[in-house]
Amino acid sequence: MAVPGEGKGRLILALDATMSRQPTWDLACRLQAEMFDAVGKTGKLDVQLVYFRGFGECRASRFVADTDALKELMVKIDCRGGRTQIGKVLSHALKETGREKVNALVYIGDAMEEEIDHLAQKAGELGLHGVPIFAFQEGHDAAAEMGLKEIARLTKGAWFRFDRNSASTLSRLLSAVAVFATGGLRALEARGRPEDRQMIEHLKGTGGT
């Protein structure tokens, strides 16, 4: 059973829905849905879905505590060709945390087609606002790996690789992110599962608190 911290956490779940992710989209949706299972029934986590695809399309849902409704929305999204729009995601997160504290941002994608310096500036601002980014990368694109690792480092978050062989492990790590968003390191330490300890090591290794 999850042991959430005091109050209610706010988490942004950002998805790359461009065409390159179509082959593993169903698997990704299942894993993303399982992220909520740890705390979804406690009412302690509000989640906002953000996704980009096509020609400049980047959309955001409202923050919801009803994660079943969010799961339904996720499975209705279809992938469309287009370039990455990670910069828009980071700008949106800055705007949202300016309104009300965002405790974590989860980003799931497989590519990065934007200037890393531009993204690093925005990531640095999120880091100053205390919004860690947990980047889950599908595949082995070298540019994406370098860029996403830097974004995670600047925000005191963490980077993980995502593929079919590690699906069950990553599902548990997503659960750990959800617990972290509700109560920080204390909540992870209280739950004490192996994935929680792994997440704690990543966060402490980058200076996360």
Foldseek 3Di string as FASTA:
>chain_A
DFDFAPAAFEEEEEEEQAPVCQVCLVLVLVLLLLLCVLCLVVLRYWYKYWYDADEPDIDIDDTDSNSVVVSVVSVPDHHHHDADDVVVVLVVQVVVCVVPNHQEYEYEEADHDDDLVSVLVSLLVLLVSLYAYEYEHEDDDPVCVVSVQSSRLSNLAAYYYDDPVCSVVVSVLSNLVRRCRRHNLVRLVVVPDPSSVVRVCSSVVSPHD
